Protein backbone atom coordinates (compact mmCIF):
# COMPACT_ATOMS: atom_id res chain seq x y z
CA MET A 1 19.57 12.20 -18.30
CA GLY A 2 22.01 10.62 -16.62
CA LYS A 3 25.85 9.74 -17.40
CA SER A 4 24.93 7.74 -20.36
CA GLY A 5 22.29 7.46 -22.72
CA GLU A 6 20.69 4.30 -20.22
CA ASP A 7 20.81 5.88 -16.94
CA LEU A 8 17.71 8.03 -16.25
CA GLY A 9 19.06 10.20 -12.70
CA VAL A 10 17.67 10.03 -9.43
CA VAL A 11 14.51 11.78 -10.56
CA ALA A 12 13.74 10.56 -13.39
CA GLY A 13 14.26 7.17 -11.83
CA LEU A 14 12.34 7.27 -8.82
CA VAL A 15 9.24 9.18 -10.63
CA ARG A 16 9.32 6.48 -13.34
CA ALA A 17 9.55 3.76 -11.14
CA SER A 18 6.46 5.12 -9.07
CA PHE A 19 4.73 4.90 -12.07
CA LEU A 20 5.42 1.66 -12.70
CA VAL A 21 4.68 0.00 -9.38
CA ASN A 22 1.36 2.18 -9.49
CA ALA A 23 0.18 0.79 -13.00
CA VAL A 24 0.83 -2.66 -11.58
CA TYR A 25 -0.56 -1.92 -8.53
CA ALA A 26 -3.91 -0.67 -10.07
CA GLU A 27 -4.10 -3.95 -12.54
CA SER A 28 -4.05 -6.41 -9.16
CA ALA A 29 -6.83 -3.95 -7.45
CA ARG A 30 -9.17 -4.13 -10.93
CA GLU A 31 -8.11 -7.85 -10.78
CA TYR A 32 -9.69 -8.77 -7.58
CA GLY A 33 -12.78 -5.69 -8.26
CA LEU A 34 -11.20 -3.18 -5.43
CA THR A 35 -10.22 0.87 -6.51
CA VAL A 36 -6.97 1.16 -6.14
CA GLN A 37 -7.51 3.41 -2.32
CA GLN A 38 -10.04 0.47 -1.55
CA GLY A 39 -6.54 -2.06 -1.87
CA GLN A 40 -4.23 0.21 -0.19
CA LEU A 41 -7.16 1.14 2.91
CA LEU A 42 -6.93 -3.57 2.52
CA CYS A 43 -3.15 -3.60 2.84
CA VAL A 44 -2.66 -0.57 5.87
CA LEU A 45 -5.10 -2.22 8.12
CA MET A 46 -3.73 -5.73 7.33
CA ALA A 47 -1.20 -4.61 10.46
CA GLN A 48 -3.47 -3.42 12.74
CA PRO A 49 -7.26 -1.45 12.91
CA TYR A 50 -6.40 2.01 12.96
CA GLY A 51 -9.14 4.79 14.23
CA MET A 52 -10.19 7.84 10.99
CA GLY A 53 -7.84 9.98 11.99
CA GLU A 54 -4.89 8.17 12.18
CA LEU A 55 -5.59 6.49 8.81
CA GLY A 56 -6.50 9.28 7.19
CA ALA A 57 -2.98 10.66 7.76
CA THR A 58 -1.65 7.43 6.67
CA LEU A 59 -3.43 7.32 3.39
CA GLY A 60 -3.64 11.00 2.43
CA LEU A 61 -7.18 11.41 2.41
CA GLU A 62 -9.59 14.74 3.80
CA LYS A 63 -12.11 13.54 6.29
CA SER A 64 -14.55 13.24 3.37
CA SER A 65 -13.06 11.09 1.30
CA LEU A 66 -11.97 8.50 4.04
CA THR A 67 -15.23 8.56 5.29
CA GLY A 68 -16.46 7.54 1.97
CA LEU A 69 -14.15 4.69 0.96
CA VAL A 70 -14.94 3.03 4.56
CA ASP A 71 -18.24 3.41 4.06
CA ARG A 72 -17.89 1.80 0.73
CA ALA A 73 -15.70 -0.92 2.08
CA VAL A 74 -18.31 -1.34 5.22
CA ARG A 75 -21.36 -1.85 2.56
CA ARG A 76 -18.98 -4.57 1.01
CA GLY A 77 -18.79 -6.49 4.21
CA LEU A 78 -14.72 -6.01 3.56
CA VAL A 79 -14.53 -3.62 7.52
CA HIS A 80 -16.27 -2.57 10.30
CA ARG A 81 -16.29 0.16 12.54
CA GLU A 82 -15.47 -0.91 16.17
CA PRO A 83 -15.61 2.00 19.19
CA ASP A 84 -12.34 2.71 20.53
CA PRO A 85 -11.84 1.69 24.28
CA ASP A 86 -10.48 5.19 25.24
CA ASP A 87 -13.18 7.98 22.97
CA ARG A 88 -16.25 7.04 22.55
CA ARG A 89 -16.39 9.43 20.30
CA ALA A 90 -14.23 7.82 18.17
CA VAL A 91 -14.19 4.20 16.35
CA HIS A 92 -11.80 1.91 14.81
CA VAL A 93 -11.51 0.73 11.28
CA VAL A 94 -11.30 -3.33 11.28
CA LEU A 95 -11.07 -5.90 8.86
CA THR A 96 -13.93 -8.49 8.53
CA GLY A 97 -12.90 -12.16 7.87
CA GLU A 98 -13.93 -11.75 4.25
CA GLY A 99 -11.82 -8.23 4.16
CA ARG A 100 -8.92 -10.17 6.01
CA GLU A 101 -9.09 -13.28 3.41
CA LEU A 102 -9.29 -10.38 0.38
CA ALA A 103 -6.66 -8.24 1.45
CA GLU A 104 -4.05 -11.08 1.76
CA HIS A 105 -4.42 -12.36 -1.66
CA PHE A 106 -4.73 -9.26 -3.26
CA TYR A 107 -1.67 -8.23 -0.82
CA ALA A 108 0.25 -11.55 -2.48
CA ALA A 109 -0.41 -11.01 -5.57
CA THR A 110 1.01 -7.27 -5.80
CA CYS A 111 4.06 -8.22 -4.15
CA ARG A 112 4.46 -10.52 -6.64
CA ARG A 113 4.07 -8.49 -9.27
CA ILE A 114 6.10 -5.76 -8.33
CA ASP A 115 8.72 -8.44 -7.16
CA GLU A 116 8.52 -9.32 -10.87
CA LEU A 117 9.49 -6.10 -12.15
CA ALA A 118 13.45 -6.78 -10.59
CA ALA A 119 13.46 -10.37 -11.11
CA ASN A 120 16.03 -9.85 -13.77
CA LEU A 121 18.17 -7.58 -11.77
CA PRO A 122 21.43 -10.43 -10.10
CA THR A 123 20.56 -10.91 -6.53
CA ALA A 124 23.92 -7.99 -5.44
CA ASP A 125 21.69 -5.64 -7.17
CA ARG A 126 18.38 -6.73 -5.96
CA ASP A 127 19.26 -6.47 -2.47
CA ARG A 128 21.42 -2.67 -3.01
CA LEU A 129 17.72 -1.20 -4.49
CA ALA A 130 15.97 -3.03 -1.33
CA THR A 131 18.62 -1.20 1.04
CA LEU A 132 18.69 1.38 -0.82
CA LEU A 133 14.96 2.07 -1.00
CA GLY A 134 14.38 1.29 2.81
CA ARG A 135 16.45 4.02 3.55
CA ILE A 136 14.60 6.80 1.35
CA VAL A 137 11.62 5.58 3.13
CA ARG A 138 12.80 5.61 6.77
CA GLU A 139 14.11 9.08 6.28
CA ASN A 140 11.37 10.78 5.05
CA GLU A 141 9.18 8.99 7.48
CA VAL A 142 6.82 7.43 4.72
CA PRO A 143 3.40 5.94 6.59
CA THR A 144 3.74 2.15 6.05
CA VAL A 145 1.04 1.44 3.45
CA PHE A 146 2.54 -1.51 2.56
CA LEU A 147 4.13 -3.78 4.49
CA ASP A 148 7.81 -5.80 3.74
CA ALA A 149 6.98 -8.03 0.94
CA LEU A 150 6.49 -11.68 1.00
CA PRO A 151 10.06 -13.59 0.65
CA ARG A 152 11.48 -14.76 -2.60
């Protein structure tokens, strides 16, 4: 525990916050008929197409797990594979029109839900929290798996 009975400290606060965010993310995924990993895949691909190696590194998945995830998304019509123009042996994973539409709806709903977690904080505290979290993410070189949140 931190200084008072209410304070968690950095470690407990970050760990418990990550569980809270993961639960909200999972709830959004279920609502949109996705697994958490499918939701992550769609959100990552919103920014740009990725090669399989880069996508695996970003999502933290081994090659076989990533291949299965992409195969299932292809069967659902959410993504397709395109040949890499610079390497005939490689492919890029690209959102389909249906995949982009689902990704945008899922992303917006998830952003709203996560934003609501801090809704009772004063604006100055929210801004400070965003600054501190951004610094932690940058200093630890966390890959972009979720774009900046929608404006309030």
